[in-house]
Amino acid sequence: MRKKTKRRLLILLALGLAFIVAAGGAYAYRKHRIAKGYEQDRAAGLAAYERKDYAAAVNRLGRYIRRFQDDVDVLRAYAYSVLELPKQGPNEINSARTAL
């Protein structure tokens, strides 16, 4: 193999490796941001529930429980918040029952 060909292959390999590292870093950063968003939804939803702002609690806790369905404190707060909202139809009552 010629020297120039080896250099080109080395450059191509280095660029491929740099791309893989950058893609891995972007993936890890995105996963971190998503996890942080869920943590913020949980904290804000529980704070809204404590303030008796049930509409905000349902909004934030609803996003959280779509991903984490095993958190009992959040499920309880979500269910009671749904039941406290005015003008409940059968869908809202069923979601509260399911959460409890």
N, C-alpha and C. Protein backbone atom coordinates (compact mmCIF):
# COMPACT_ATOMS: atom_id res chain seq x y z
N MET A 1 0.84 -1.18 0.00
CA MET A 1 0.00 0.00 0.00
C MET A 1 0.89 1.25 0.00
N ARG A 2 0.46 2.22 -0.74
CA ARG A 2 1.25 3.44 -0.82
C ARG A 2 1.08 4.27 0.44
N LYS A 3 2.04 5.12 0.68
CA LYS A 3 2.04 5.96 1.87
C LYS A 3 0.84 6.91 1.89
N LYS A 4 0.51 7.45 0.74
CA LYS A 4 -0.61 8.37 0.63
C LYS A 4 -1.94 7.65 0.93
N THR A 5 -2.08 6.43 0.49
CA THR A 5 -3.29 5.64 0.74
C THR A 5 -3.42 5.33 2.22
N LYS A 6 -2.32 4.99 2.87
CA LYS A 6 -2.33 4.71 4.31
C LYS A 6 -2.76 5.94 5.10
N ARG A 7 -2.25 7.09 4.70
CA ARG A 7 -2.60 8.34 5.37
C ARG A 7 -4.09 8.64 5.21
N ARG A 8 -4.61 8.42 4.01
CA ARG A 8 -6.04 8.67 3.78
C ARG A 8 -6.91 7.72 4.60
N LEU A 9 -6.51 6.45 4.68
CA LEU A 9 -7.25 5.49 5.49
C LEU A 9 -7.19 5.86 6.97
N LEU A 10 -6.05 6.31 7.42
CA LEU A 10 -5.91 6.73 8.81
C LEU A 10 -6.80 7.94 9.12
N ILE A 11 -6.85 8.88 8.20
CA ILE A 11 -7.71 10.06 8.37
C ILE A 11 -9.18 9.63 8.38
N LEU A 12 -9.56 8.74 7.47
CA LEU A 12 -10.93 8.24 7.41
C LEU A 12 -11.30 7.50 8.68
N LEU A 13 -10.40 6.70 9.20
CA LEU A 13 -10.63 5.98 10.44
C LEU A 13 -10.78 6.95 11.62
N ALA A 14 -9.93 7.97 11.67
CA ALA A 14 -10.00 8.96 12.74
C ALA A 14 -11.31 9.74 12.68
N LEU A 15 -11.76 10.10 11.49
CA LEU A 15 -13.03 10.81 11.35
C LEU A 15 -14.20 9.91 11.75
N GLY A 16 -14.16 8.65 11.38
CA GLY A 16 -15.21 7.71 11.78
C GLY A 16 -15.27 7.55 13.29
N LEU A 17 -14.11 7.42 13.91
CA LEU A 17 -14.05 7.30 15.36
C LEU A 17 -14.56 8.57 16.05
N ALA A 18 -14.19 9.73 15.51
CA ALA A 18 -14.66 11.00 16.07
C ALA A 18 -16.18 11.11 15.96
N PHE A 19 -16.73 10.64 14.85
CA PHE A 19 -18.18 10.68 14.66
C PHE A 19 -18.87 9.77 15.68
N ILE A 20 -18.33 8.58 15.89
CA ILE A 20 -18.92 7.64 16.85
C ILE A 20 -18.88 8.22 18.26
N VAL A 21 -17.76 8.82 18.64
CA VAL A 21 -17.63 9.42 19.97
C VAL A 21 -18.62 10.58 20.12
N ALA A 22 -18.74 11.41 19.09
CA ALA A 22 -19.67 12.55 19.16
C ALA A 22 -21.11 12.06 19.25
N ALA A 23 -21.45 11.04 18.48
CA ALA A 23 -22.81 10.51 18.53
C ALA A 23 -23.10 9.90 19.90
N GLY A 24 -22.16 9.19 20.47
CA GLY A 24 -22.33 8.62 21.81
C GLY A 24 -22.50 9.70 22.86
N GLY A 25 -21.72 10.77 22.75
CA GLY A 25 -21.85 11.88 23.68
C GLY A 25 -23.20 12.58 23.56
N ALA A 26 -23.66 12.75 22.34
CA ALA A 26 -24.96 13.39 22.12
C ALA A 26 -26.08 12.51 22.68
N TYR A 27 -25.97 11.21 22.51
CA TYR A 27 -26.97 10.28 23.04
C TYR A 27 -27.00 10.34 24.57
N ALA A 28 -25.84 10.31 25.20
CA ALA A 28 -25.77 10.36 26.66
C ALA A 28 -26.33 11.69 27.19
N TYR A 29 -26.01 12.79 26.51
CA TYR A 29 -26.51 14.10 26.93
C TYR A 29 -28.04 14.16 26.81
N ARG A 30 -28.57 13.60 25.73
CA ARG A 30 -30.02 13.61 25.52
C ARG A 30 -30.72 12.78 26.61
N LYS A 31 -30.17 11.61 26.93
CA LYS A 31 -30.76 10.78 27.98
C LYS A 31 -30.73 11.52 29.32
N HIS A 32 -29.64 12.24 29.59
CA HIS A 32 -29.53 13.01 30.83
C HIS A 32 -30.59 14.11 30.88
N ARG A 33 -30.79 14.80 29.78
CA ARG A 33 -31.78 15.88 29.74
C ARG A 33 -33.20 15.32 29.93
N ILE A 34 -33.48 14.18 29.35
CA ILE A 34 -34.80 13.57 29.50
C ILE A 34 -35.04 13.19 30.96
N ALA A 35 -34.04 12.57 31.58
CA ALA A 35 -34.16 12.17 32.99
C ALA A 35 -34.35 13.40 33.89
N LYS A 36 -33.62 14.46 33.59
CA LYS A 36 -33.75 15.69 34.37
C LYS A 36 -35.15 16.29 34.21
N GLY A 37 -35.70 16.22 33.00
CA GLY A 37 -37.05 16.72 32.75
C GLY A 37 -38.10 15.95 33.55
N TYR A 38 -37.93 14.63 33.62
CA TYR A 38 -38.86 13.83 34.43
C TYR A 38 -38.74 14.18 35.91
N GLU A 39 -37.52 14.39 36.39
CA GLU A 39 -37.33 14.78 37.78
C GLU A 39 -38.01 16.13 38.07
N GLN A 40 -37.89 17.05 37.12
CA GLN A 40 -38.53 18.36 37.29
C GLN A 40 -40.05 18.24 37.26
N ASP A 41 -40.58 17.39 36.39
CA ASP A 41 -42.03 17.18 36.35
C ASP A 41 -42.53 16.61 37.67
N ARG A 42 -41.79 15.65 38.23
CA ARG A 42 -42.19 15.05 39.50
C ARG A 42 -42.19 16.08 40.61
N ALA A 43 -41.11 16.83 40.71
CA ALA A 43 -40.99 17.83 41.79
C ALA A 43 -42.06 18.92 41.65
N ALA A 44 -42.23 19.43 40.43
CA ALA A 44 -43.22 20.49 40.21
C ALA A 44 -44.64 19.98 40.42
N GLY A 45 -44.91 18.74 40.00
CA GLY A 45 -46.24 18.18 40.17
C GLY A 45 -46.59 17.96 41.63
N LEU A 46 -45.65 17.44 42.40
CA LEU A 46 -45.91 17.25 43.82
C LEU A 46 -46.04 18.58 44.56
N ALA A 47 -45.25 19.57 44.14
CA ALA A 47 -45.37 20.90 44.75
C ALA A 47 -46.73 21.51 44.43
N ALA A 48 -47.19 21.34 43.19
CA ALA A 48 -48.52 21.86 42.82
C ALA A 48 -49.62 21.14 43.59
N TYR A 49 -49.46 19.86 43.82
CA TYR A 49 -50.43 19.10 44.60
C TYR A 49 -50.48 19.62 46.04
N GLU A 50 -49.33 19.90 46.62
CA GLU A 50 -49.28 20.44 47.98
C GLU A 50 -49.93 21.83 48.06
N ARG A 51 -49.81 22.62 46.98
CA ARG A 51 -50.42 23.96 46.93
C ARG A 51 -51.90 23.90 46.58
N LYS A 52 -52.39 22.69 46.30
CA LYS A 52 -53.77 22.46 45.88
C LYS A 52 -54.07 23.07 44.50
N ASP A 53 -53.03 23.17 43.68
CA ASP A 53 -53.18 23.58 42.28
C ASP A 53 -53.32 22.29 41.47
N TYR A 54 -54.53 21.74 41.47
CA TYR A 54 -54.73 20.41 40.95
C TYR A 54 -54.57 20.32 39.43
N ALA A 55 -54.91 21.36 38.71
CA ALA A 55 -54.75 21.33 37.26
C ALA A 55 -53.28 21.21 36.87
N ALA A 56 -52.44 22.00 37.52
CA ALA A 56 -51.00 21.93 37.24
C ALA A 56 -50.43 20.59 37.69
N ALA A 57 -50.93 20.08 38.81
CA ALA A 57 -50.45 18.79 39.31
C ALA A 57 -50.79 17.67 38.33
N VAL A 58 -52.00 17.68 37.80
CA VAL A 58 -52.39 16.65 36.83
C VAL A 58 -51.53 16.73 35.59
N ASN A 59 -51.26 17.94 35.13
CA ASN A 59 -50.45 18.12 33.94
C ASN A 59 -49.03 17.57 34.14
N ARG A 60 -48.36 18.00 35.19
CA ARG A 60 -46.96 17.59 35.41
C ARG A 60 -46.84 16.13 35.85
N LEU A 61 -47.72 15.71 36.75
CA LEU A 61 -47.64 14.32 37.22
C LEU A 61 -48.08 13.34 36.14
N GLY A 62 -48.99 13.77 35.28
CA GLY A 62 -49.41 12.91 34.18
C GLY A 62 -48.27 12.58 33.24
N ARG A 63 -47.44 13.57 32.94
CA ARG A 63 -46.26 13.32 32.12
C ARG A 63 -45.30 12.35 32.80
N TYR A 64 -45.16 12.52 34.10
CA TYR A 64 -44.22 11.69 34.85
C TYR A 64 -44.70 10.23 34.93
N ILE A 65 -45.99 10.02 35.20
CA ILE A 65 -46.45 8.64 35.38
C ILE A 65 -46.60 7.88 34.08
N ARG A 66 -46.60 8.57 32.95
CA ARG A 66 -46.57 7.84 31.67
C ARG A 66 -45.28 7.05 31.54
N ARG A 67 -44.22 7.52 32.19
CA ARG A 67 -42.92 6.85 32.12
C ARG A 67 -42.64 6.00 33.36
N PHE A 68 -42.98 6.51 34.54
CA PHE A 68 -42.69 5.82 35.80
C PHE A 68 -44.01 5.48 36.49
N GLN A 69 -44.49 4.28 36.28
CA GLN A 69 -45.80 3.89 36.80
C GLN A 69 -45.72 3.19 38.15
N ASP A 70 -44.53 3.10 38.74
CA ASP A 70 -44.38 2.40 40.01
C ASP A 70 -44.18 3.33 41.19
N ASP A 71 -44.21 4.62 40.98
CA ASP A 71 -44.01 5.59 42.05
C ASP A 71 -45.34 5.84 42.76
N VAL A 72 -45.51 5.23 43.92
CA VAL A 72 -46.80 5.23 44.61
C VAL A 72 -47.20 6.64 45.06
N ASP A 73 -46.27 7.42 45.56
CA ASP A 73 -46.59 8.77 46.02
C ASP A 73 -47.13 9.63 44.87
N VAL A 74 -46.52 9.51 43.72
CA VAL A 74 -46.96 10.29 42.56
C VAL A 74 -48.31 9.80 42.07
N LEU A 75 -48.50 8.50 42.04
CA LEU A 75 -49.79 7.96 41.59
C LEU A 75 -50.92 8.41 42.51
N ARG A 76 -50.68 8.41 43.81
CA ARG A 76 -51.70 8.85 44.76
C ARG A 76 -52.01 10.33 44.57
N ALA A 77 -50.97 11.15 44.46
CA ALA A 77 -51.18 12.59 44.26
C ALA A 77 -51.91 12.86 42.94
N TYR A 78 -51.55 12.12 41.89
CA TYR A 78 -52.21 12.28 40.59
C TYR A 78 -53.69 11.92 40.70
N ALA A 79 -53.99 10.79 41.32
CA ALA A 79 -55.38 10.34 41.42
C ALA A 79 -56.22 11.33 42.21
N TYR A 80 -55.73 11.79 43.34
CA TYR A 80 -56.49 12.75 44.13
C TYR A 80 -56.62 14.09 43.40
N SER A 81 -55.63 14.47 42.65
CA SER A 81 -55.71 15.71 41.88
C SER A 81 -56.77 15.62 40.80
N VAL A 82 -56.81 14.47 40.12
CA VAL A 82 -57.83 14.28 39.07
C VAL A 82 -59.23 14.35 39.68
N LEU A 83 -59.38 13.73 40.83
CA LEU A 83 -60.70 13.73 41.47
C LEU A 83 -61.11 15.12 41.95
N GLU A 84 -60.17 15.99 42.22
CA GLU A 84 -60.48 17.35 42.69
C GLU A 84 -60.79 18.32 41.55
N LEU A 85 -60.49 17.94 40.32
CA LEU A 85 -60.76 18.83 39.19
C LEU A 85 -62.26 18.93 38.94
N PRO A 86 -62.74 20.11 38.56
CA PRO A 86 -64.17 20.24 38.24
C PRO A 86 -64.49 19.63 36.87
N LYS A 87 -65.76 19.33 36.67
CA LYS A 87 -66.26 18.81 35.39
C LYS A 87 -65.53 17.54 34.97
N GLN A 88 -65.66 16.54 35.77
CA GLN A 88 -65.02 15.28 35.44
C GLN A 88 -65.96 14.41 34.62
N GLY A 89 -65.41 13.88 33.56
CA GLY A 89 -66.15 12.92 32.76
C GLY A 89 -65.71 11.51 33.12
N PRO A 90 -66.28 10.54 32.45
CA PRO A 90 -65.93 9.15 32.77
C PRO A 90 -64.45 8.83 32.52
N ASN A 91 -63.85 9.46 31.53
CA ASN A 91 -62.45 9.18 31.24
C ASN A 91 -61.54 9.63 32.38
N GLU A 92 -61.80 10.79 32.94
CA GLU A 92 -60.96 11.30 34.02
C GLU A 92 -61.14 10.46 35.28
N ILE A 93 -62.36 10.07 35.57
CA ILE A 93 -62.61 9.26 36.76
C ILE A 93 -61.96 7.89 36.62
N ASN A 94 -62.02 7.32 35.43
CA ASN A 94 -61.37 6.02 35.21
C ASN A 94 -59.87 6.12 35.34
N SER A 95 -59.27 7.23 34.88
CA SER A 95 -57.81 7.37 35.02
C SER A 95 -57.43 7.51 36.49
N ALA A 96 -58.26 8.17 37.28
CA ALA A 96 -57.98 8.28 38.71
C ALA A 96 -58.12 6.93 39.39
N ARG A 97 -59.15 6.16 39.03
CA ARG A 97 -59.33 4.81 39.59
C ARG A 97 -58.15 3.93 39.25
N THR A 98 -57.71 4.00 38.00
CA THR A 98 -56.60 3.17 37.56
C THR A 98 -55.33 3.53 38.32
N ALA A 99 -55.12 4.81 38.55
CA ALA A 99 -53.93 5.25 39.27
C ALA A 99 -53.94 4.78 40.72
N LEU A 100 -55.13 4.77 41.33
CA LEU A 100 -55.23 4.29 42.71
C LEU A 100 -55.12 2.80 42.75
